[in-house]
C-alpha atoms as a PDB file:
ATOM      1  CA  MET A   1     151.900  90.955  67.690  1.00  0.00           C
ATOM      2  CA  SER A   2     148.304  91.786  68.589  1.00  0.00           C
ATOM      3  CA  ILE A   3     146.153  89.441  70.843  1.00  0.00           C
ATOM      4  CA  ILE A   4     143.328  90.013  68.529  1.00  0.00           C
ATOM      5  CA  GLU A   5     143.384  88.787  64.989  1.00  0.00           C
ATOM      6  CA  THR A   6     140.640  89.851  63.030  1.00  0.00           C
ATOM      7  CA  LEU A   7     139.230  86.842  60.748  1.00  0.00           C
ATOM      8  CA  THR A   8     136.373  88.662  59.215  1.00  0.00           C
ATOM      9  CA  ASP A   9     135.033  91.797  59.165  1.00  0.00           C
ATOM     10  CA  VAL A  10     131.554  92.557  57.379  1.00  0.00           C
ATOM     11  CA  ASN A  11     128.991  95.237  56.844  1.00  0.00           C
ATOM     12  CA  ASN A  12     125.639  94.157  56.858  1.00  0.00           C
ATOM     13  CA  ASP A  13     123.809  97.276  55.106  1.00  0.00           C
ATOM     14  CA  PHE A  14     120.400  95.227  55.173  1.00  0.00           C
ATOM     15  CA  LEU A  15     120.822  94.634  59.031  1.00  0.00           C
ATOM     16  CA  SER A  16     122.208  98.166  59.505  1.00  0.00           C
ATOM     17  CA  ARG A  17     125.041  96.740  61.751  1.00  0.00           C
ATOM     18  CA  ARG A  18     128.877  95.219  61.121  1.00  0.00           C
ATOM     19  CA  GLU A  19     129.589  91.618  62.039  1.00  0.00           C
ATOM     20  CA  LEU A  20     133.036  90.933  63.357  1.00  0.00           C
ATOM     21  CA  THR A  21     134.498  87.402  64.349  1.00  0.00           C
ATOM     22  CA  CYS A  22     137.937  87.645  66.015  1.00  0.00           C
ATOM     23  CA  ASN A  23     140.749  85.360  67.482  1.00  0.00           C
ATOM     24  CA  PHE A  24     141.932  86.128  71.397  1.00  0.00           C
ATOM     25  CA  ALA A  25     145.181  84.414  71.452  1.00  0.00           C
ATOM     26  CA  GLY A  26     146.163  83.029  74.312  1.00  0.00           C
ATOM     27  CA  LEU A  27     142.957  83.916  76.285  1.00  0.00           C
ATOM     28  CA  GLY A  28     141.280  80.163  76.536  1.00  0.00           C
ATOM     29  CA  GLY A  29     139.348  79.614  79.529  1.00  0.00           C
ATOM     30  CA  LYS A  30     139.987  83.115  80.786  1.00  0.00           C
ATOM     31  CA  LEU A  31     138.342  85.559  78.620  1.00  0.00           C
ATOM     32  CA  LYS A  32     134.568  86.945  79.660  1.00  0.00           C
ATOM     33  CA  ASN A  33     132.183  88.593  77.579  1.00  0.00           C
ATOM     34  CA  LEU A  34     132.526  92.503  79.107  1.00  0.00           C
ATOM     35  CA  GLU A  35     136.292  92.020  78.978  1.00  0.00           C
ATOM     36  CA  ALA A  36     136.394  90.767  75.193  1.00  0.00           C
ATOM     37  CA  VAL A  37     133.916  93.885  74.162  1.00  0.00           C
ATOM     38  CA  ASN A  38     136.218  96.302  76.027  1.00  0.00           C
ATOM     39  CA  MET A  39     139.092  94.972  74.441  1.00  0.00           C
ATOM     40  CA  ILE A  40     137.218  94.853  70.890  1.00  0.00           C
ATOM     41  CA  THR A  41     136.293  98.647  71.349  1.00  0.00           C
ATOM     42  CA  LYS A  42     140.041  99.475  71.851  1.00  0.00           C
ATOM     43  CA  GLU A  43     141.007  97.408  68.889  1.00  0.00           C
ATOM     44  CA  PHE A  44     138.893  98.474  66.413  1.00  0.00           C
ATOM     45  CA  LYS A  45     138.088 102.114  68.255  1.00  0.00           C
ATOM     46  CA  LEU A  46     134.127 101.790  68.525  1.00  0.00           C
ATOM     47  CA  ASP A  47     133.626 104.197  71.050  1.00  0.00           C
ATOM     48  CA  GLY A  48     129.953 105.519  71.267  1.00  0.00           C
ATOM     49  CA  LYS A  49     128.919 102.194  69.487  1.00  0.00           C
ATOM     50  CA  VAL A  50     127.010  99.350  70.752  1.00  0.00           C
ATOM     51  CA  VAL A  51     128.997  95.950  70.711  1.00  0.00           C
ATOM     52  CA  ILE A  52     127.280  93.132  71.433  1.00  0.00           C
ATOM     53  CA  PRO A  53     129.092  89.631  72.334  1.00  0.00           C
ATOM     54  CA  ILE A  54     127.263  86.881  70.286  1.00  0.00           C
ATOM     55  CA  ARG A  55     129.632  83.913  70.877  1.00  0.00           C
ATOM     56  CA  LEU A  56     132.484  83.134  72.511  1.00  0.00           C
ATOM     57  CA  LYS A  57     134.047  79.624  71.616  1.00  0.00           C
ATOM     58  CA  THR A  58     136.864  78.172  73.337  1.00  0.00           C
ATOM     59  CA  HIS A  59     138.801  75.482  71.049  1.00  0.00           C
ATOM     60  CA  VAL A  60     139.738  72.287  72.611  1.00  0.00           C
ATOM     61  CA  GLY A  61     143.035  71.564  72.847  1.00  0.00           C
ATOM     62  CA  GLN A  62     144.222  75.309  72.060  1.00  0.00           C
ATOM     63  CA  SER A  63     144.597  78.538  74.042  1.00  0.00           C
ATOM     64  CA  HIS A  64     142.625  80.679  71.547  1.00  0.00           C
ATOM     65  CA  VAL A  65     138.830  81.831  71.661  1.00  0.00           C
ATOM     66  CA  THR A  66     137.023  83.051  68.576  1.00  0.00           C
ATOM     67  CA  GLY A  67     134.513  85.550  69.027  1.00  0.00           C
ATOM     68  CA  VAL A  68     131.415  86.881  67.059  1.00  0.00           C
ATOM     69  CA  PHE A  69     130.684  90.374  67.796  1.00  0.00           C
ATOM     70  CA  TYR A  70     127.696  92.501  66.339  1.00  0.00           C
ATOM     71  CA  VAL A  71     128.350  96.621  66.451  1.00  0.00           C
ATOM     72  CA  TYR A  72     125.269  98.719  66.020  1.00  0.00           C
ATOM     73  CA  GLU A  73     125.318 102.357  65.924  1.00  0.00           C
ATOM     74  CA  ASP A  74     121.910 102.646  67.715  1.00  0.00           C
ATOM     75  CA  GLU A  75     120.968 100.905  70.983  1.00  0.00           C
ATOM     76  CA  VAL A  76     116.782 100.310  69.915  1.00  0.00           C
ATOM     77  CA  LEU A  77     117.759  98.604  66.399  1.00  0.00           C
ATOM     78  CA  ALA A  78     120.029  96.093  68.479  1.00  0.00           C
ATOM     79  CA  LYS A  79     117.212  95.293  70.768  1.00  0.00           C
ATOM     80  CA  LYS A  80     114.972  94.749  68.036  1.00  0.00           C
ATOM     81  CA  HIS A  81     117.518  92.078  66.114  1.00  0.00           C
ATOM     82  CA  ILE A  82     118.916  90.517  69.161  1.00  0.00           C
ATOM     83  CA  ASN A  83     117.147  88.316  71.514  1.00  0.00           C
ATOM     84  CA  PRO A  84     116.879  89.973  74.880  1.00  0.00           C
ATOM     85  CA  THR A  85     118.386  86.943  77.020  1.00  0.00           C
ATOM     86  CA  ILE A  86     121.805  88.307  75.490  1.00  0.00           C
ATOM     87  CA  PHE A  87     120.836  91.558  77.100  1.00  0.00           C
ATOM     88  CA  SER A  88     119.340  90.384  80.331  1.00  0.00           C
ATOM     89  CA  ARG A  89     123.154  88.103  80.739  1.00  0.00           C
ATOM     90  CA  LEU A  90     125.184  91.118  79.571  1.00  0.00           C
ATOM     91  CA  GLU A  91     122.969  93.280  82.320  1.00  0.00           C
ATOM     92  CA  LYS A  92     123.392  90.864  85.080  1.00  0.00           C
ATOM     93  CA  SER A  93     127.189  90.526  84.530  1.00  0.00           C
ATOM     94  CA  LYS A  94     127.758  94.413  84.680  1.00  0.00           C
ATOM     95  CA  ALA A  95     125.902  94.482  87.869  1.00  0.00           C
ATOM     96  CA  LYS A  96     128.020  91.646  89.089  1.00  0.00           C
ATOM     97  CA  ILE A  97     130.983  94.042  88.236  1.00  0.00           C
ATOM     98  CA  VAL A  98     129.433  96.834  90.256  1.00  0.00           C
ATOM     99  CA  GLU A  99     128.758  95.004  93.161  1.00  0.00           C
ATOM    100  CA  ALA A 100     132.101  93.468  93.523  1.00  0.00           C
ATOM    101  CA  ASP A 101     133.524  97.275  92.961  1.00  0.00           C
ATOM    102  CA  ALA A 102     131.655  98.381  95.573  1.00  0.00           C
ATOM    103  CA  ALA A 103     132.092  95.763  98.313  1.00  0.00           C
ATOM    104  CA  THR A 104     135.889  96.172  97.383  1.00  0.00           C
ATOM    105  CA  LYS A 105     135.678 100.155  98.323  1.00  0.00           C
ATOM    106  CA  GLU A 106     133.598  99.567 101.462  1.00  0.00           C
ATOM    107  CA  SER A 107     136.284  96.955 102.707  1.00  0.00           C
ATOM    108  CA  SER A 108     138.934  99.601 101.764  1.00  0.00           C
ATOM    109  CA  VAL A 109     136.912 102.107 103.178  1.00  0.00           C
ATOM    110  CA  ALA A 110     136.430 100.191 106.331  1.00  0.00           C
ATOM    111  CA  GLU A 111     139.794  99.053 107.182  1.00  0.00           C
ATOM    112  CA  ILE A 112     140.794 102.784 107.316  1.00  0.00           C
ATOM    113  CA  PRO A 113     138.819 104.076 110.154  1.00  0.00           C
ATOM    114  CA  ASP A 114     140.210 100.626 112.600  1.00  0.00           C
ATOM    115  CA  GLU A 115     143.731 101.994 111.219  1.00  0.00           C
ATOM    116  CA  GLU A 116     142.984 105.481 112.659  1.00  0.00           C
ATOM    117  CA  VAL A 117     141.482 104.096 116.046  1.00  0.00           C
ATOM    118  CA  LYS A 118     144.643 101.616 116.662  1.00  0.00           C
ATOM    119  CA  GLU A 119     146.788 105.039 115.800  1.00  0.00           C
ATOM    120  CA  GLU A 120     144.868 106.586 118.200  1.00  0.00           C
ATOM    121  CA  GLU A 121     144.906 104.468 121.259  1.00  0.00           C
ATOM    122  CA  LYS A 122     148.657 104.559 120.708  1.00  0.00           C
ATOM    123  CA  THR A 123     149.154 108.007 121.300  1.00  0.00           C
ATOM    124  CA  GLU A 124     147.254 107.883 124.491  1.00  0.00           C
END
């Protein structure tokens, strides 16, 4: 059984986009926009396309999330159609993830020399 259940999958020829509405089972309160985009990209094999999360709605008293996604072939067209605020929020969340990854790498790199120094002290 898949975590993702497709509710609607519509090709909007007028706006040149694909509109997906999906339920994510068991992820109520835990799912983030970029994680949802990654899951949708893998599930529907949308590599190389622009997937934009429009809305993730958590249902009260239930453990599933309903997400609405727009899939564009071209990022320029997506920026024309969609509110720039959505793109700025996505950029902020991507920046936070990159910053967190950099911090974990720095902390792991900082721990290695300390261990080497302790080993050198023991040998002397």
